[in-house]
Amino acid sequence: MTATQQEAFVIVDRRAADRTDVDWDALGIFPGTDSTMQCNVVDVSEKGAKLTLGDVDILPSCFRLFLPVSKAIRECEEVWRNGREIGVVFRNNIA
């Protein structure tokens, strides 16, 4: 493989903030319903997080995330998905 071909495989990290690896249980709360989902926070920053979803196939693009570890509720918007993993950006603190 040439140097040019190797450069093509470089992955650019476009995140605005460094992430910290964590293993937190969390609860997604769907807007306008009583529906929730169990999930796991894999990594987190002040701007967003990577989540691993439980048995949810359909997920609204915006939802609330309750983090029992900090008792925080964050407004989230999905920005990417790969199978059961999703990346979210935090919109604001609710509580």
PDB file of N, CA and C in Angstrom:
ATOM      1  N   MET A   1       0.851  -1.174   0.000  1.00  0.00           N
ATOM      2  CA  MET A   1       0.000   0.000   0.000  1.00  0.00           C
ATOM      3  C   MET A   1       0.900   1.241   0.000  1.00  0.00           C
ATOM      4  N   THR A   2       0.598   2.205  -0.848  1.00  0.00           N
ATOM      5  CA  THR A   2       1.400   3.418  -0.925  1.00  0.00           C
ATOM      6  C   THR A   2       1.025   4.376   0.195  1.00  0.00           C
ATOM      7  N   ALA A   3       1.842   5.376   0.424  1.00  0.00           N
ATOM      8  CA  ALA A   3       1.571   6.373   1.461  1.00  0.00           C
ATOM      9  C   ALA A   3       0.260   7.093   1.192  1.00  0.00           C
ATOM     10  N   THR A   4      -0.030   7.366  -0.083  1.00  0.00           N
ATOM     11  CA  THR A   4      -1.277   8.042  -0.435  1.00  0.00           C
ATOM     12  C   THR A   4      -2.477   7.177  -0.093  1.00  0.00           C
ATOM     13  N   GLN A   5      -2.384   5.879  -0.370  1.00  0.00           N
ATOM     14  CA  GLN A   5      -3.480   4.973  -0.029  1.00  0.00           C
ATOM     15  C   GLN A   5      -3.655   4.884   1.484  1.00  0.00           C
ATOM     16  N   GLN A   6      -2.569   4.888   2.238  1.00  0.00           N
ATOM     17  CA  GLN A   6      -2.654   4.842   3.698  1.00  0.00           C
ATOM     18  C   GLN A   6      -3.322   6.099   4.232  1.00  0.00           C
ATOM     19  N   GLU A   7      -3.009   7.245   3.655  1.00  0.00           N
ATOM     20  CA  GLU A   7      -3.617   8.500   4.091  1.00  0.00           C
ATOM     21  C   GLU A   7      -5.123   8.495   3.892  1.00  0.00           C
ATOM     22  N   ALA A   8      -5.612   7.759   2.900  1.00  0.00           N
ATOM     23  CA  ALA A   8      -7.042   7.693   2.626  1.00  0.00           C
ATOM     24  C   ALA A   8      -7.799   7.017   3.763  1.00  0.00           C
ATOM     25  N   PHE A   9      -7.107   6.243   4.592  1.00  0.00           N
ATOM     26  CA  PHE A   9      -7.750   5.520   5.684  1.00  0.00           C
ATOM     27  C   PHE A   9      -7.711   6.278   7.010  1.00  0.00           C
ATOM     28  N   VAL A  10      -7.184   7.477   7.022  1.00  0.00           N
ATOM     29  CA  VAL A  10      -7.145   8.275   8.245  1.00  0.00           C
ATOM     30  C   VAL A  10      -8.552   8.743   8.574  1.00  0.00           C
ATOM     31  N   ILE A  11      -8.961   8.525   9.802  1.00  0.00           N
ATOM     32  CA  ILE A  11     -10.290   8.945  10.250  1.00  0.00           C
ATOM     33  C   ILE A  11     -10.153  10.284  10.961  1.00  0.00           C
ATOM     34  N   VAL A  12     -10.920  11.244  10.518  1.00  0.00           N
ATOM     35  CA  VAL A  12     -10.886  12.570  11.110  1.00  0.00           C
ATOM     36  C   VAL A  12     -11.933  12.642  12.221  1.00  0.00           C
ATOM     37  N   ASP A  13     -11.507  13.017  13.409  1.00  0.00           N
ATOM     38  CA  ASP A  13     -12.404  13.162  14.550  1.00  0.00           C
ATOM     39  C   ASP A  13     -12.917  14.593  14.553  1.00  0.00           C
ATOM     40  N   ARG A  14     -14.222  14.776  14.259  1.00  0.00           N
ATOM     41  CA  ARG A  14     -14.799  16.106  14.138  1.00  0.00           C
ATOM     42  C   ARG A  14     -15.472  16.582  15.417  1.00  0.00           C
ATOM     43  N   ARG A  15     -15.312  15.855  16.503  1.00  0.00           N
ATOM     44  CA  ARG A  15     -15.975  16.240  17.746  1.00  0.00           C
ATOM     45  C   ARG A  15     -15.412  17.548  18.276  1.00  0.00           C
ATOM     46  N   ALA A  16     -16.294  18.353  18.834  1.00  0.00           N
ATOM     47  CA  ALA A  16     -15.900  19.656  19.360  1.00  0.00           C
ATOM     48  C   ALA A  16     -15.301  19.549  20.764  1.00  0.00           C
ATOM     49  N   ALA A  17     -15.521  18.425  21.452  1.00  0.00           N
ATOM     50  CA  ALA A  17     -15.024  18.261  22.818  1.00  0.00           C
ATOM     51  C   ALA A  17     -14.523  16.837  23.011  1.00  0.00           C
ATOM     52  N   ASP A  18     -13.511  16.689  23.865  1.00  0.00           N
ATOM     53  CA  ASP A  18     -12.994  15.359  24.170  1.00  0.00           C
ATOM     54  C   ASP A  18     -14.039  14.542  24.909  1.00  0.00           C
ATOM     55  N   ARG A  19     -14.066  13.249  24.623  1.00  0.00           N
ATOM     56  CA  ARG A  19     -15.022  12.345  25.265  1.00  0.00           C
ATOM     57  C   ARG A  19     -14.302  11.532  26.334  1.00  0.00           C
ATOM     58  N   THR A  20     -15.069  11.152  27.337  1.00  0.00           N
ATOM     59  CA  THR A  20     -14.576  10.306  28.412  1.00  0.00           C
ATOM     60  C   THR A  20     -15.304   8.975  28.348  1.00  0.00           C
ATOM     61  N   ASP A  21     -14.556   7.869  28.342  1.00  0.00           N
ATOM     62  CA  ASP A  21     -15.177   6.552  28.345  1.00  0.00           C
ATOM     63  C   ASP A  21     -15.874   6.322  29.682  1.00  0.00           C
ATOM     64  N   VAL A  22     -17.126   5.865  29.617  1.00  0.00           N
ATOM     65  CA  VAL A  22     -17.909   5.577  30.821  1.00  0.00           C
ATOM     66  C   VAL A  22     -18.718   4.300  30.574  1.00  0.00           C
ATOM     67  N   ASP A  23     -19.378   3.842  31.587  1.00  0.00           N
ATOM     68  CA  ASP A  23     -20.283   2.694  31.476  1.00  0.00           C
ATOM     69  C   ASP A  23     -21.466   2.984  32.395  1.00  0.00           C
ATOM     70  N   TRP A  24     -22.365   3.861  31.908  1.00  0.00           N
ATOM     71  CA  TRP A  24     -23.492   4.311  32.719  1.00  0.00           C
ATOM     72  C   TRP A  24     -24.795   3.774  32.161  1.00  0.00           C
ATOM     73  N   ASP A  25     -25.635   3.250  33.043  1.00  0.00           N
ATOM     74  CA  ASP A  25     -27.006   2.937  32.657  1.00  0.00           C
ATOM     75  C   ASP A  25     -27.759   4.249  32.520  1.00  0.00           C
ATOM     76  N   ALA A  26     -28.676   4.324  31.574  1.00  0.00           N
ATOM     77  CA  ALA A  26     -29.452   5.534  31.362  1.00  0.00           C
ATOM     78  C   ALA A  26     -30.844   5.142  30.868  1.00  0.00           C
ATOM     79  N   LEU A  27     -31.711   6.135  30.824  1.00  0.00           N
ATOM     80  CA  LEU A  27     -33.089   5.913  30.393  1.00  0.00           C
ATOM     81  C   LEU A  27     -33.460   6.987  29.383  1.00  0.00           C
ATOM     82  N   GLY A  28     -33.830   6.562  28.174  1.00  0.00           N
ATOM     83  CA  GLY A  28     -34.329   7.482  27.165  1.00  0.00           C
ATOM     84  C   GLY A  28     -35.822   7.681  27.353  1.00  0.00           C
ATOM     85  N   ILE A  29     -36.255   8.915  27.284  1.00  0.00           N
ATOM     86  CA  ILE A  29     -37.666   9.258  27.461  1.00  0.00           C
ATOM     87  C   ILE A  29     -38.150   9.885  26.169  1.00  0.00           C
ATOM     88  N   PHE A  30     -39.165   9.257  25.549  1.00  0.00           N
ATOM     89  CA  PHE A  30     -39.648   9.741  24.264  1.00  0.00           C
ATOM     90  C   PHE A  30     -40.617  10.891  24.459  1.00  0.00           C
ATOM     91  N   PRO A  31     -40.482  11.955  23.677  1.00  0.00           N
ATOM     92  CA  PRO A  31     -41.332  13.136  23.837  1.00  0.00           C
ATOM     93  C   PRO A  31     -42.804  12.851  23.522  1.00  0.00           C
ATOM     94  N   GLY A  32     -43.675  13.414  24.335  1.00  0.00           N
ATOM     95  CA  GLY A  32     -45.111  13.327  24.093  1.00  0.00           C
ATOM     96  C   GLY A  32     -45.723  11.967  24.363  1.00  0.00           C
ATOM     97  N   THR A  33     -44.964  11.054  24.975  1.00  0.00           N
ATOM     98  CA  THR A  33     -45.481   9.713  25.266  1.00  0.00           C
ATOM     99  C   THR A  33     -45.015   9.292  26.657  1.00  0.00           C
ATOM    100  N   ASP A  34     -45.483   8.131  27.076  1.00  0.00           N
ATOM    101  CA  ASP A  34     -44.988   7.528  28.309  1.00  0.00           C
ATOM    102  C   ASP A  34     -43.921   6.481  28.020  1.00  0.00           C
ATOM    103  N   SER A  35     -43.472   6.405  26.771  1.00  0.00           N
ATOM    104  CA  SER A  35     -42.510   5.388  26.357  1.00  0.00           C
ATOM    105  C   SER A  35     -41.091   5.749  26.798  1.00  0.00           C
ATOM    106  N   THR A  36     -40.363   4.711  27.197  1.00  0.00           N
ATOM    107  CA  THR A  36     -38.968   4.873  27.584  1.00  0.00           C
ATOM    108  C   THR A  36     -38.143   3.743  26.989  1.00  0.00           C
ATOM    109  N   MET A  37     -36.829   3.887  27.062  1.00  0.00           N
ATOM    110  CA  MET A  37     -35.928   2.830  26.618  1.00  0.00           C
ATOM    111  C   MET A  37     -34.737   2.768  27.554  1.00  0.00           C
ATOM    112  N   GLN A  38     -34.290   1.562  27.835  1.00  0.00           N
ATOM    113  CA  GLN A  38     -33.056   1.377  28.574  1.00  0.00           C
ATOM    114  C   GLN A  38     -31.908   1.523  27.589  1.00  0.00           C
ATOM    115  N   CYS A  39     -30.827   2.166  28.021  1.00  0.00           N
ATOM    116  CA  CYS A  39     -29.653   2.276  27.173  1.00  0.00           C
ATOM    117  C   CYS A  39     -28.418   2.390  28.052  1.00  0.00           C
ATOM    118  N   ASN A  40     -27.270   2.400  27.421  1.00  0.00           N
ATOM    119  CA  ASN A  40     -26.003   2.503  28.118  1.00  0.00           C
ATOM    120  C   ASN A  40     -25.208   3.630  27.486  1.00  0.00           C
ATOM    121  N   VAL A  41     -24.653   4.509  28.320  1.00  0.00           N
ATOM    122  CA  VAL A  41     -23.787   5.582  27.835  1.00  0.00           C
ATOM    123  C   VAL A  41     -22.367   5.010  27.777  1.00  0.00           C
ATOM    124  N   VAL A  42     -21.783   5.029  26.592  1.00  0.00           N
ATOM    125  CA  VAL A  42     -20.457   4.450  26.363  1.00  0.00           C
ATOM    126  C   VAL A  42     -19.368   5.497  26.546  1.00  0.00           C
ATOM    127  N   ASP A  43     -19.608   6.680  26.012  1.00  0.00           N
ATOM    128  CA  ASP A  43     -18.697   7.801  26.248  1.00  0.00           C
ATOM    129  C   ASP A  43     -19.497   9.088  26.263  1.00  0.00           C
ATOM    130  N   VAL A  44     -18.915  10.122  26.879  1.00  0.00           N
ATOM    131  CA  VAL A  44     -19.659  11.359  27.092  1.00  0.00           C
ATOM    132  C   VAL A  44     -18.708  12.550  27.093  1.00  0.00           C
ATOM    133  N   SER A  45     -19.238  13.690  26.677  1.00  0.00           N
ATOM    134  CA  SER A  45     -18.531  14.971  26.773  1.00  0.00           C
ATOM    135  C   SER A  45     -19.553  16.014  27.181  1.00  0.00           C
ATOM    136  N   GLU A  46     -19.130  17.238  27.291  1.00  0.00           N
ATOM    137  CA  GLU A  46     -20.089  18.307  27.611  1.00  0.00           C
ATOM    138  C   GLU A  46     -21.041  18.562  26.449  1.00  0.00           C
ATOM    139  N   LYS A  47     -20.679  18.132  25.248  1.00  0.00           N
ATOM    140  CA  LYS A  47     -21.485  18.404  24.046  1.00  0.00           C
ATOM    141  C   LYS A  47     -22.381  17.252  23.616  1.00  0.00           C
ATOM    142  N   GLY A  48     -22.044  15.996  23.997  1.00  0.00           N
ATOM    143  CA  GLY A  48     -22.828  14.864  23.519  1.00  0.00           C
ATOM    144  C   GLY A  48     -22.337  13.552  24.081  1.00  0.00           C
ATOM    145  N   ALA A  49     -22.839  12.452  23.489  1.00  0.00           N
ATOM    146  CA  ALA A  49     -22.501  11.124  23.989  1.00  0.00           C
ATOM    147  C   ALA A  49     -22.702  10.069  22.916  1.00  0.00           C
ATOM    148  N   LYS A  50     -22.093   8.910  23.164  1.00  0.00           N
ATOM    149  CA  LYS A  50     -22.361   7.715  22.360  1.00  0.00           C
ATOM    150  C   LYS A  50     -23.143   6.769  23.256  1.00  0.00           C
ATOM    151  N   LEU A  51     -24.264   6.265  22.722  1.00  0.00           N
ATOM    152  CA  LEU A  51     -25.142   5.370  23.466  1.00  0.00           C
ATOM    153  C   LEU A  51     -25.226   4.022  22.777  1.00  0.00           C
ATOM    154  N   THR A  52     -25.401   2.977  23.581  1.00  0.00           N
ATOM    155  CA  THR A  52     -25.753   1.665  23.068  1.00  0.00           C
ATOM    156  C   THR A  52     -27.199   1.422  23.475  1.00  0.00           C
ATOM    157  N   LEU A  53     -28.049   1.148  22.497  1.00  0.00           N
ATOM    158  CA  LEU A  53     -29.472   0.982  22.743  1.00  0.00           C
ATOM    159  C   LEU A  53     -29.803  -0.439  23.151  1.00  0.00           C
ATOM    160  N   GLY A  54     -30.903  -0.573  23.880  1.00  0.00           N
ATOM    161  CA  GLY A  54     -31.422  -1.893  24.234  1.00  0.00           C
ATOM    162  C   GLY A  54     -32.219  -2.454  23.076  1.00  0.00           C
ATOM    163  N   ASP A  55     -33.421  -2.904  23.341  1.00  0.00           N
ATOM    164  CA  ASP A  55     -34.257  -3.563  22.332  1.00  0.00           C
ATOM    165  C   ASP A  55     -35.188  -2.601  21.611  1.00  0.00           C
ATOM    166  N   VAL A  56     -34.715  -1.423  21.272  1.00  0.00           N
ATOM    167  CA  VAL A  56     -35.544  -0.434  20.584  1.00  0.00           C
ATOM    168  C   VAL A  56     -35.172  -0.417  19.110  1.00  0.00           C
ATOM    169  N   ASP A  57     -36.171  -0.598  18.250  1.00  0.00           N
ATOM    170  CA  ASP A  57     -35.914  -0.539  16.816  1.00  0.00           C
ATOM    171  C   ASP A  57     -36.236   0.829  16.236  1.00  0.00           C
ATOM    172  N   ILE A  58     -37.236   1.475  16.798  1.00  0.00           N
ATOM    173  CA  ILE A  58     -37.642   2.795  16.325  1.00  0.00           C
ATOM    174  C   ILE A  58     -37.340   3.796  17.431  1.00  0.00           C
ATOM    175  N   LEU A  59     -36.626   4.826  17.068  1.00  0.00           N
ATOM    176  CA  LEU A  59     -36.195   5.831  18.034  1.00  0.00           C
ATOM    177  C   LEU A  59     -36.453   7.212  17.454  1.00  0.00           C
ATOM    178  N   PRO A  60     -37.134   8.088  18.204  1.00  0.00           N
ATOM    179  CA  PRO A  60     -37.303   9.448  17.681  1.00  0.00           C
ATOM    180  C   PRO A  60     -35.943  10.142  17.573  1.00  0.00           C
ATOM    181  N   SER A  61     -35.808  11.056  16.642  1.00  0.00           N
ATOM    182  CA  SER A  61     -34.518  11.730  16.463  1.00  0.00           C
ATOM    183  C   SER A  61     -34.191  12.651  17.638  1.00  0.00           C
ATOM    184  N   CYS A  62     -35.209  13.089  18.375  1.00  0.00           N
ATOM    185  CA  CYS A  62     -34.999  13.907  19.575  1.00  0.00           C
ATOM    186  C   CYS A  62     -35.695  13.228  20.756  1.00  0.00           C
ATOM    187  N   PHE A  63     -35.012  13.172  21.881  1.00  0.00           N
ATOM    188  CA  PHE A  63     -35.570  12.543  23.079  1.00  0.00           C
ATOM    189  C   PHE A  63     -34.819  13.079  24.292  1.00  0.00           C
ATOM    190  N   ARG A  64     -35.320  12.763  25.466  1.00  0.00           N
ATOM    191  CA  ARG A  64     -34.650  13.134  26.710  1.00  0.00           C
ATOM    192  C   ARG A  64     -33.893  11.937  27.247  1.00  0.00           C
ATOM    193  N   LEU A  65     -32.739  12.207  27.837  1.00  0.00           N
ATOM    194  CA  LEU A  65     -31.907  11.158  28.401  1.00  0.00           C
ATOM    195  C   LEU A  65     -31.743  11.428  29.894  1.00  0.00           C
ATOM    196  N   PHE A  66     -32.228  10.482  30.720  1.00  0.00           N
ATOM    197  CA  PHE A  66     -32.062  10.583  32.162  1.00  0.00           C
ATOM    198  C   PHE A  66     -30.815   9.812  32.561  1.00  0.00           C
ATOM    199  N   LEU A  67     -29.898  10.509  33.223  1.00  0.00           N
ATOM    200  CA  LEU A  67     -28.643   9.920  33.666  1.00  0.00           C
ATOM    201  C   LEU A  67     -28.690   9.757  35.192  1.00  0.00           C
ATOM    202  N   PRO A  68     -29.025   8.558  35.694  1.00  0.00           N
ATOM    203  CA  PRO A  68     -29.127   8.360  37.138  1.00  0.00           C
ATOM    204  C   PRO A  68     -27.840   8.679  37.893  1.00  0.00           C
ATOM    205  N   VAL A  69     -26.684   8.473  37.259  1.00  0.00           N
ATOM    206  CA  VAL A  69     -25.412   8.706  37.928  1.00  0.00           C
ATOM    207  C   VAL A  69     -25.269  10.162  38.379  1.00  0.00           C
ATOM    208  N   SER A  70     -25.836  11.099  37.631  1.00  0.00           N
ATOM    209  CA  SER A  70     -25.752  12.518  37.984  1.00  0.00           C
ATOM    210  C   SER A  70     -27.119  13.132  38.247  1.00  0.00           C
ATOM    211  N   LYS A  71     -28.176  12.336  38.097  1.00  0.00           N
ATOM    212  CA  LYS A  71     -29.560  12.790  38.247  1.00  0.00           C
ATOM    213  C   LYS A  71     -29.908  13.895  37.241  1.00  0.00           C
ATOM    214  N   ALA A  72     -29.195  13.928  36.115  1.00  0.00           N
ATOM    215  CA  ALA A  72     -29.411  14.947  35.082  1.00  0.00           C
ATOM    216  C   ALA A  72     -30.357  14.419  34.010  1.00  0.00           C
ATOM    217  N   ILE A  73     -31.104  15.328  33.438  1.00  0.00           N
ATOM    218  CA  ILE A  73     -31.918  15.029  32.256  1.00  0.00           C
ATOM    219  C   ILE A  73     -31.404  15.930  31.142  1.00  0.00           C
ATOM    220  N   ARG A  74     -31.021  15.307  30.022  1.00  0.00           N
ATOM    221  CA  ARG A  74     -30.484  16.062  28.893  1.00  0.00           C
ATOM    222  C   ARG A  74     -31.389  15.892  27.685  1.00  0.00           C
ATOM    223  N   GLU A  75     -31.623  16.970  26.980  1.00  0.00           N
ATOM    224  CA  GLU A  75     -32.348  16.970  25.708  1.00  0.00           C
ATOM    225  C   GLU A  75     -31.333  16.515  24.658  1.00  0.00           C
ATOM    226  N   CYS A  76     -31.641  15.448  23.911  1.00  0.00           N
ATOM    227  CA  CYS A  76     -30.700  14.866  22.949  1.00  0.00           C
ATOM    228  C   CYS A  76     -31.262  14.887  21.536  1.00  0.00           C
ATOM    229  N   GLU A  77     -30.347  14.994  20.580  1.00  0.00           N
ATOM    230  CA  GLU A  77     -30.700  14.844  19.174  1.00  0.00           C
ATOM    231  C   GLU A  77     -29.718  13.866  18.546  1.00  0.00           C
ATOM    232  N   GLU A  78     -30.248  12.855  17.876  1.00  0.00           N
ATOM    233  CA  GLU A  78     -29.400  11.866  17.222  1.00  0.00           C
ATOM    234  C   GLU A  78     -28.665  12.508  16.054  1.00  0.00           C
ATOM    235  N   VAL A  79     -27.350  12.255  15.966  1.00  0.00           N
ATOM    236  CA  VAL A  79     -26.561  12.780  14.848  1.00  0.00           C
ATOM    237  C   VAL A  79     -25.979  11.680  13.975  1.00  0.00           C
ATOM    238  N   TRP A  80     -25.884  10.465  14.489  1.00  0.00           N
ATOM    239  CA  TRP A  80     -25.461   9.323  13.685  1.00  0.00           C
ATOM    240  C   TRP A  80     -25.954   8.036  14.341  1.00  0.00           C
ATOM    241  N   ARG A  81     -25.986   6.968  13.534  1.00  0.00           N
ATOM    242  CA  ARG A  81     -26.403   5.657  14.034  1.00  0.00           C
ATOM    243  C   ARG A  81     -25.636   4.572  13.284  1.00  0.00           C
ATOM    244  N   ASN A  82     -25.252   3.549  14.027  1.00  0.00           N
ATOM    245  CA  ASN A  82     -24.602   2.376  13.450  1.00  0.00           C
ATOM    246  C   ASN A  82     -25.120   1.162  14.209  1.00  0.00           C
ATOM    247  N   GLY A  83     -26.164   0.537  13.674  1.00  0.00           N
ATOM    248  CA  GLY A  83     -26.783  -0.588  14.367  1.00  0.00           C
ATOM    249  C   GLY A  83     -27.407  -0.134  15.677  1.00  0.00           C
ATOM    250  N   ARG A  84     -26.978  -0.701  16.789  1.00  0.00           N
ATOM    251  CA  ARG A  84     -27.516  -0.365  18.115  1.00  0.00           C
ATOM    252  C   ARG A  84     -26.741   0.769  18.789  1.00  0.00           C
ATOM    253  N   GLU A  85     -25.747   1.331  18.130  1.00  0.00           N
ATOM    254  CA  GLU A  85     -25.009   2.470  18.678  1.00  0.00           C
ATOM    255  C   GLU A  85     -25.481   3.750  18.003  1.00  0.00           C
ATOM    256  N   ILE A  86     -25.648   4.795  18.814  1.00  0.00           N
ATOM    257  CA  ILE A  86     -25.999   6.104  18.252  1.00  0.00           C
ATOM    258  C   ILE A  86     -25.147   7.180  18.910  1.00  0.00           C
ATOM    259  N   GLY A  87     -24.933   8.238  18.182  1.00  0.00           N
ATOM    260  CA  GLY A  87     -24.279   9.420  18.714  1.00  0.00           C
ATOM    261  C   GLY A  87     -25.320  10.516  18.866  1.00  0.00           C
ATOM    262  N   VAL A  88     -25.286  11.197  19.993  1.00  0.00           N
ATOM    263  CA  VAL A  88     -26.236  12.283  20.238  1.00  0.00           C
ATOM    264  C   VAL A  88     -25.485  13.553  20.615  1.00  0.00           C
ATOM    265  N   VAL A  89     -26.110  14.657  20.288  1.00  0.00           N
ATOM    266  CA  VAL A  89     -25.617  15.959  20.728  1.00  0.00           C
ATOM    267  C   VAL A  89     -26.599  16.428  21.797  1.00  0.00           C
ATOM    268  N   PHE A  90     -26.072  17.015  22.881  1.00  0.00           N
ATOM    269  CA  PHE A  90     -26.910  17.556  23.937  1.00  0.00           C
ATOM    270  C   PHE A  90     -27.391  18.945  23.544  1.00  0.00           C
ATOM    271  N   ARG A  91     -28.684  19.178  23.672  1.00  0.00           N
ATOM    272  CA  ARG A  91     -29.267  20.478  23.336  1.00  0.00           C
ATOM    273  C   ARG A  91     -29.305  21.410  24.540  1.00  0.00           C
ATOM    274  N   ASN A  92     -29.594  20.902  25.719  1.00  0.00           N
ATOM    275  CA  ASN A  92     -29.597  21.731  26.922  1.00  0.00           C
ATOM    276  C   ASN A  92     -29.769  20.858  28.166  1.00  0.00           C
ATOM    277  N   ASN A  93     -29.581  21.440  29.318  1.00  0.00           N
ATOM    278  CA  ASN A  93     -29.856  20.750  30.588  1.00  0.00           C
ATOM    279  C   ASN A  93     -31.290  21.033  30.955  1.00  0.00           C
ATOM    280  N   ILE A  94     -32.026  20.023  31.397  1.00  0.00           N
ATOM    281  CA  ILE A  94     -33.402  20.219  31.833  1.00  0.00           C
ATOM    282  C   ILE A  94     -33.453  20.254  33.350  1.00  0.00           C
ATOM    283  N   ALA A  95     -32.774  19.318  33.980  1.00  0.00           N
ATOM    284  CA  ALA A  95     -32.771  19.270  35.450  1.00  0.00           C
ATOM    285  C   ALA A  95     -31.428  18.811  35.936  1.00  0.00           C
TER     286      ALA A  95
END
